[in-house]
Amino acid sequence: MTLIHSSKFWLAAFYAGMAAGIFSTVAQILLWWLFWDALPSILYRDAHFAAAIIMGKVDPAVKTIID
């Protein structure tokens, strides 16, 4: 039997995927918690960038509440 068809291989792959998902989720939550003071400005900046992409060319001299 080859390694790819082995049930041990798929079980190890499953556990590795679960561990990677849990680790990345915990890391993301910790980073959000550590940089909590920067969050509103980061989220508003991202929304502003998304709106600028959708609207096309935007005059950078125009200031908005988001800035």
PDB file of N, CA and C in Angstrom:
ATOM      1  N   MET A   1       0.852  -1.173   0.000  1.00  0.00           N
ATOM      2  CA  MET A   1       0.000   0.000   0.000  1.00  0.00           C
ATOM      3  C   MET A   1       0.904   1.244   0.000  1.00  0.00           C
ATOM      4  N   THR A   2       0.558   2.229  -0.826  1.00  0.00           N
ATOM      5  CA  THR A   2       1.367   3.440  -0.894  1.00  0.00           C
ATOM      6  C   THR A   2       1.009   4.378   0.248  1.00  0.00           C
ATOM      7  N   LEU A   3       1.865   5.365   0.436  1.00  0.00           N
ATOM      8  CA  LEU A   3       1.673   6.309   1.532  1.00  0.00           C
ATOM      9  C   LEU A   3       0.409   7.144   1.347  1.00  0.00           C
ATOM     10  N   ILE A   4       0.088   7.501   0.107  1.00  0.00           N
ATOM     11  CA  ILE A   4      -1.083   8.340  -0.148  1.00  0.00           C
ATOM     12  C   ILE A   4      -2.376   7.616   0.200  1.00  0.00           C
ATOM     13  N   HIS A   5      -2.396   6.300   0.051  1.00  0.00           N
ATOM     14  CA  HIS A   5      -3.606   5.539   0.326  1.00  0.00           C
ATOM     15  C   HIS A   5      -3.688   5.096   1.784  1.00  0.00           C
ATOM     16  N   SER A   6      -2.690   5.401   2.561  1.00  0.00           N
ATOM     17  CA  SER A   6      -2.663   4.976   3.947  1.00  0.00           C
ATOM     18  C   SER A   6      -3.595   5.846   4.789  1.00  0.00           C
ATOM     19  N   SER A   7      -4.359   5.214   5.660  1.00  0.00           N
ATOM     20  CA  SER A   7      -5.249   5.969   6.536  1.00  0.00           C
ATOM     21  C   SER A   7      -4.466   6.770   7.568  1.00  0.00           C
ATOM     22  N   LYS A   8      -3.284   6.309   7.921  1.00  0.00           N
ATOM     23  CA  LYS A   8      -2.447   7.063   8.857  1.00  0.00           C
ATOM     24  C   LYS A   8      -2.018   8.386   8.243  1.00  0.00           C
ATOM     25  N   PHE A   9      -1.726   8.389   6.943  1.00  0.00           N
ATOM     26  CA  PHE A   9      -1.342   9.615   6.248  1.00  0.00           C
ATOM     27  C   PHE A   9      -2.473  10.640   6.302  1.00  0.00           C
ATOM     28  N   TRP A  10      -3.686  10.205   5.978  1.00  0.00           N
ATOM     29  CA  TRP A  10      -4.813  11.132   5.960  1.00  0.00           C
ATOM     30  C   TRP A  10      -5.174  11.608   7.371  1.00  0.00           C
ATOM     31  N   LEU A  11      -5.025  10.762   8.352  1.00  0.00           N
ATOM     32  CA  LEU A  11      -5.283  11.170   9.728  1.00  0.00           C
ATOM     33  C   LEU A  11      -4.251  12.207  10.178  1.00  0.00           C
ATOM     34  N   ALA A  12      -2.985  11.997   9.826  1.00  0.00           N
ATOM     35  CA  ALA A  12      -1.947  12.968  10.162  1.00  0.00           C
ATOM     36  C   ALA A  12      -2.174  14.283   9.433  1.00  0.00           C
ATOM     37  N   ALA A  13      -2.605  14.217   8.171  1.00  0.00           N
ATOM     38  CA  ALA A  13      -2.891  15.438   7.412  1.00  0.00           C
ATOM     39  C   ALA A  13      -4.065  16.194   8.031  1.00  0.00           C
ATOM     40  N   PHE A  14      -5.073  15.466   8.478  1.00  0.00           N
ATOM     41  CA  PHE A  14      -6.224  16.084   9.125  1.00  0.00           C
ATOM     42  C   PHE A  14      -5.810  16.807  10.404  1.00  0.00           C
ATOM     43  N   TYR A  15      -5.038  16.134  11.249  1.00  0.00           N
ATOM     44  CA  TYR A  15      -4.601  16.750  12.499  1.00  0.00           C
ATOM     45  C   TYR A  15      -3.664  17.930  12.249  1.00  0.00           C
ATOM     46  N   ALA A  16      -2.828  17.844  11.239  1.00  0.00           N
ATOM     47  CA  ALA A  16      -1.943  18.965  10.909  1.00  0.00           C
ATOM     48  C   ALA A  16      -2.757  20.171  10.446  1.00  0.00           C
ATOM     49  N   GLY A  17      -3.775  19.932   9.657  1.00  0.00           N
ATOM     50  CA  GLY A  17      -4.641  21.021   9.209  1.00  0.00           C
ATOM     51  C   GLY A  17      -5.410  21.650  10.350  1.00  0.00           C
ATOM     52  N   MET A  18      -5.915  20.836  11.247  1.00  0.00           N
ATOM     53  CA  MET A  18      -6.635  21.365  12.416  1.00  0.00           C
ATOM     54  C   MET A  18      -5.706  22.182  13.304  1.00  0.00           C
ATOM     55  N   ALA A  19      -4.495  21.683  13.539  1.00  0.00           N
ATOM     56  CA  ALA A  19      -3.529  22.407  14.376  1.00  0.00           C
ATOM     57  C   ALA A  19      -3.139  23.730  13.727  1.00  0.00           C
ATOM     58  N   ALA A  20      -2.934  23.731  12.412  1.00  0.00           N
ATOM     59  CA  ALA A  20      -2.576  24.970  11.716  1.00  0.00           C
ATOM     60  C   ALA A  20      -3.711  25.982  11.787  1.00  0.00           C
ATOM     61  N   GLY A  21      -4.944  25.524  11.638  1.00  0.00           N
ATOM     62  CA  GLY A  21      -6.096  26.424  11.730  1.00  0.00           C
ATOM     63  C   GLY A  21      -6.258  27.021  13.114  1.00  0.00           C
ATOM     64  N   ILE A  22      -6.096  26.200  14.128  1.00  0.00           N
ATOM     65  CA  ILE A  22      -6.214  26.694  15.506  1.00  0.00           C
ATOM     66  C   ILE A  22      -5.092  27.664  15.818  1.00  0.00           C
ATOM     67  N   PHE A  23      -3.868  27.328  15.419  1.00  0.00           N
ATOM     68  CA  PHE A  23      -2.733  28.204  15.672  1.00  0.00           C
ATOM     69  C   PHE A  23      -2.906  29.558  14.984  1.00  0.00           C
ATOM     70  N   SER A  24      -3.329  29.561  13.730  1.00  0.00           N
ATOM     71  CA  SER A  24      -3.472  30.829  13.014  1.00  0.00           C
ATOM     72  C   SER A  24      -4.605  31.672  13.592  1.00  0.00           C
ATOM     73  N   THR A  25      -5.670  31.034  14.041  1.00  0.00           N
ATOM     74  CA  THR A  25      -6.771  31.778  14.661  1.00  0.00           C
ATOM     75  C   THR A  25      -6.329  32.414  15.971  1.00  0.00           C
ATOM     76  N   VAL A  26      -5.613  31.670  16.796  1.00  0.00           N
ATOM     77  CA  VAL A  26      -5.113  32.209  18.065  1.00  0.00           C
ATOM     78  C   VAL A  26      -4.126  33.347  17.807  1.00  0.00           C
ATOM     79  N   ALA A  27      -3.250  33.183  16.816  1.00  0.00           N
ATOM     80  CA  ALA A  27      -2.289  34.244  16.494  1.00  0.00           C
ATOM     81  C   ALA A  27      -3.010  35.504  16.035  1.00  0.00           C
ATOM     82  N   GLN A  28      -4.035  35.359  15.214  1.00  0.00           N
ATOM     83  CA  GLN A  28      -4.782  36.527  14.742  1.00  0.00           C
ATOM     84  C   GLN A  28      -5.499  37.224  15.890  1.00  0.00           C
ATOM     85  N   ILE A  29      -6.114  36.471  16.778  1.00  0.00           N
ATOM     86  CA  ILE A  29      -6.804  37.074  17.927  1.00  0.00           C
ATOM     87  C   ILE A  29      -5.808  37.806  18.818  1.00  0.00           C
ATOM     88  N   LEU A  30      -4.635  37.209  19.056  1.00  0.00           N
ATOM     89  CA  LEU A  30      -3.622  37.883  19.872  1.00  0.00           C
ATOM     90  C   LEU A  30      -3.135  39.169  19.218  1.00  0.00           C
ATOM     91  N   LEU A  31      -2.936  39.167  17.923  1.00  0.00           N
ATOM     92  CA  LEU A  31      -2.484  40.383  17.237  1.00  0.00           C
ATOM     93  C   LEU A  31      -3.550  41.466  17.282  1.00  0.00           C
ATOM     94  N   TRP A  32      -4.822  41.104  17.113  1.00  0.00           N
ATOM     95  CA  TRP A  32      -5.894  42.096  17.222  1.00  0.00           C
ATOM     96  C   TRP A  32      -5.936  42.666  18.637  1.00  0.00           C
ATOM     97  N   TRP A  33      -5.716  41.818  19.614  1.00  0.00           N
ATOM     98  CA  TRP A  33      -5.750  42.276  21.009  1.00  0.00           C
ATOM     99  C   TRP A  33      -4.559  43.195  21.298  1.00  0.00           C
ATOM    100  N   LEU A  34      -3.382  42.856  20.781  1.00  0.00           N
ATOM    101  CA  LEU A  34      -2.188  43.668  21.031  1.00  0.00           C
ATOM    102  C   LEU A  34      -2.255  45.041  20.376  1.00  0.00           C
ATOM    103  N   PHE A  35      -2.855  45.118  19.202  1.00  0.00           N
ATOM    104  CA  PHE A  35      -2.909  46.376  18.457  1.00  0.00           C
ATOM    105  C   PHE A  35      -4.311  46.967  18.452  1.00  0.00           C
ATOM    106  N   TRP A  36      -5.015  46.825  19.552  1.00  0.00           N
ATOM    107  CA  TRP A  36      -6.398  47.278  19.663  1.00  0.00           C
ATOM    108  C   TRP A  36      -6.527  48.773  19.419  1.00  0.00           C
ATOM    109  N   ASP A  37      -5.557  49.577  19.847  1.00  0.00           N
ATOM    110  CA  ASP A  37      -5.651  51.030  19.697  1.00  0.00           C
ATOM    111  C   ASP A  37      -5.562  51.479  18.244  1.00  0.00           C
ATOM    112  N   ALA A  38      -4.981  50.691  17.371  1.00  0.00           N
ATOM    113  CA  ALA A  38      -4.850  51.054  15.961  1.00  0.00           C
ATOM    114  C   ALA A  38      -6.016  50.543  15.120  1.00  0.00           C
ATOM    115  N   LEU A  39      -6.890  49.736  15.717  1.00  0.00           N
ATOM    116  CA  LEU A  39      -7.925  49.086  14.917  1.00  0.00           C
ATOM    117  C   LEU A  39      -8.885  50.029  14.203  1.00  0.00           C
ATOM    118  N   PRO A  40      -9.483  50.993  14.852  1.00  0.00           N
ATOM    119  CA  PRO A  40     -10.454  51.795  14.090  1.00  0.00           C
ATOM    120  C   PRO A  40      -9.835  52.462  12.865  1.00  0.00           C
ATOM    121  N   SER A  41      -8.652  53.014  13.011  1.00  0.00           N
ATOM    122  CA  SER A  41      -8.040  53.699  11.872  1.00  0.00           C
ATOM    123  C   SER A  41      -7.667  52.723  10.764  1.00  0.00           C
ATOM    124  N   ILE A  42      -7.241  51.514  11.128  1.00  0.00           N
ATOM    125  CA  ILE A  42      -6.904  50.516  10.112  1.00  0.00           C
ATOM    126  C   ILE A  42      -8.153  50.101   9.343  1.00  0.00           C
ATOM    127  N   LEU A  43      -9.256  49.862  10.053  1.00  0.00           N
ATOM    128  CA  LEU A  43     -10.483  49.449   9.384  1.00  0.00           C
ATOM    129  C   LEU A  43     -11.033  50.553   8.496  1.00  0.00           C
ATOM    130  N   TYR A  44     -10.978  51.812   8.962  1.00  0.00           N
ATOM    131  CA  TYR A  44     -11.459  52.931   8.148  1.00  0.00           C
ATOM    132  C   TYR A  44     -10.565  53.136   6.933  1.00  0.00           C
ATOM    133  N   ARG A  45      -9.258  52.958   7.103  1.00  0.00           N
ATOM    134  CA  ARG A  45      -8.333  53.098   5.983  1.00  0.00           C
ATOM    135  C   ARG A  45      -8.624  52.053   4.921  1.00  0.00           C
ATOM    136  N   ASP A  46      -8.848  50.831   5.340  1.00  0.00           N
ATOM    137  CA  ASP A  46      -9.152  49.767   4.391  1.00  0.00           C
ATOM    138  C   ASP A  46     -10.465  50.028   3.667  1.00  0.00           C
ATOM    139  N   ALA A  47     -11.458  50.535   4.376  1.00  0.00           N
ATOM    140  CA  ALA A  47     -12.735  50.862   3.740  1.00  0.00           C
ATOM    141  C   ALA A  47     -12.555  51.995   2.736  1.00  0.00           C
ATOM    142  N   HIS A  48     -11.725  52.965   3.076  1.00  0.00           N
ATOM    143  CA  HIS A  48     -11.454  54.081   2.175  1.00  0.00           C
ATOM    144  C   HIS A  48     -10.757  53.591   0.906  1.00  0.00           C
ATOM    145  N   PHE A  49      -9.788  52.702   1.058  1.00  0.00           N
ATOM    146  CA  PHE A  49      -9.094  52.144  -0.100  1.00  0.00           C
ATOM    147  C   PHE A  49     -10.047  51.347  -0.989  1.00  0.00           C
ATOM    148  N   ALA A  50     -10.914  50.562  -0.376  1.00  0.00           N
ATOM    149  CA  ALA A  50     -11.868  49.774  -1.154  1.00  0.00           C
ATOM    150  C   ALA A  50     -12.821  50.679  -1.921  1.00  0.00           C
ATOM    151  N   ALA A  51     -13.286  51.750  -1.275  1.00  0.00           N
ATOM    152  CA  ALA A  51     -14.173  52.693  -1.951  1.00  0.00           C
ATOM    153  C   ALA A  51     -13.447  53.395  -3.099  1.00  0.00           C
ATOM    154  N   ALA A  52     -12.185  53.729  -2.902  1.00  0.00           N
ATOM    155  CA  ALA A  52     -11.418  54.380  -3.962  1.00  0.00           C
ATOM    156  C   ALA A  52     -11.223  53.448  -5.153  1.00  0.00           C
ATOM    157  N   ILE A  53     -11.019  52.173  -4.900  1.00  0.00           N
ATOM    158  CA  ILE A  53     -10.865  51.209  -5.993  1.00  0.00           C
ATOM    159  C   ILE A  53     -12.167  51.084  -6.772  1.00  0.00           C
ATOM    160  N   ILE A  54     -13.279  51.024  -6.073  1.00  0.00           N
ATOM    161  CA  ILE A  54     -14.573  50.868  -6.724  1.00  0.00           C
ATOM    162  C   ILE A  54     -14.939  52.121  -7.519  1.00  0.00           C
ATOM    163  N   MET A  55     -14.672  53.306  -6.934  1.00  0.00           N
ATOM    164  CA  MET A  55     -15.046  54.561  -7.581  1.00  0.00           C
ATOM    165  C   MET A  55     -14.109  54.931  -8.726  1.00  0.00           C
ATOM    166  N   GLY A  56     -12.935  54.385  -8.729  1.00  0.00           N
ATOM    167  CA  GLY A  56     -11.974  54.740  -9.765  1.00  0.00           C
ATOM    168  C   GLY A  56     -11.014  55.803  -9.246  1.00  0.00           C
ATOM    169  N   LYS A  57     -10.636  56.722 -10.115  1.00  0.00           N
ATOM    170  CA  LYS A  57      -9.672  57.738  -9.739  1.00  0.00           C
ATOM    171  C   LYS A  57     -10.310  58.737  -8.761  1.00  0.00           C
ATOM    172  N   VAL A  58      -9.658  58.948  -7.636  1.00  0.00           N
ATOM    173  CA  VAL A  58     -10.160  59.834  -6.591  1.00  0.00           C
ATOM    174  C   VAL A  58      -9.120  60.907  -6.332  1.00  0.00           C
ATOM    175  N   ASP A  59      -9.574  62.131  -6.138  1.00  0.00           N
ATOM    176  CA  ASP A  59      -8.672  63.243  -5.865  1.00  0.00           C
ATOM    177  C   ASP A  59      -8.109  63.089  -4.449  1.00  0.00           C
ATOM    178  N   PRO A  60      -6.778  62.914  -4.296  1.00  0.00           N
ATOM    179  CA  PRO A  60      -6.214  62.719  -2.961  1.00  0.00           C
ATOM    180  C   PRO A  60      -6.267  63.973  -2.089  1.00  0.00           C
ATOM    181  N   ALA A  61      -6.518  65.130  -2.690  1.00  0.00           N
ATOM    182  CA  ALA A  61      -6.576  66.371  -1.915  1.00  0.00           C
ATOM    183  C   ALA A  61      -7.884  66.481  -1.129  1.00  0.00           C
ATOM    184  N   VAL A  62      -8.888  65.729  -1.519  1.00  0.00           N
ATOM    185  CA  VAL A  62     -10.175  65.772  -0.838  1.00  0.00           C
ATOM    186  C   VAL A  62     -10.058  64.996   0.459  1.00  0.00           C
ATOM    187  N   LYS A  63     -10.322  65.683   1.560  1.00  0.00           N
ATOM    188  CA  LYS A  63     -10.270  65.036   2.879  1.00  0.00           C
ATOM    189  C   LYS A  63     -11.678  64.590   3.270  1.00  0.00           C
ATOM    190  N   THR A  64     -11.738  63.436   3.864  1.00  0.00           N
ATOM    191  CA  THR A  64     -13.028  62.920   4.319  1.00  0.00           C
ATOM    192  C   THR A  64     -12.972  62.684   5.817  1.00  0.00           C
ATOM    193  N   ILE A  65     -14.088  62.299   6.365  1.00  0.00           N
ATOM    194  CA  ILE A  65     -14.138  61.979   7.792  1.00  0.00           C
ATOM    195  C   ILE A  65     -13.253  60.785   8.090  1.00  0.00           C
ATOM    196  N   ILE A  66     -13.115  59.890   7.138  1.00  0.00           N
ATOM    197  CA  ILE A  66     -12.335  58.673   7.337  1.00  0.00           C
ATOM    198  C   ILE A  66     -10.867  58.998   7.578  1.00  0.00           C
ATOM    199  N   ASP A  67     -10.350  60.029   6.908  1.00  0.00           N
ATOM    200  CA  ASP A  67      -8.932  60.370   7.081  1.00  0.00           C
ATOM    201  C   ASP A  67      -8.732  60.851   8.490  1.00  0.00           C
TER     202      ASP A  67
END
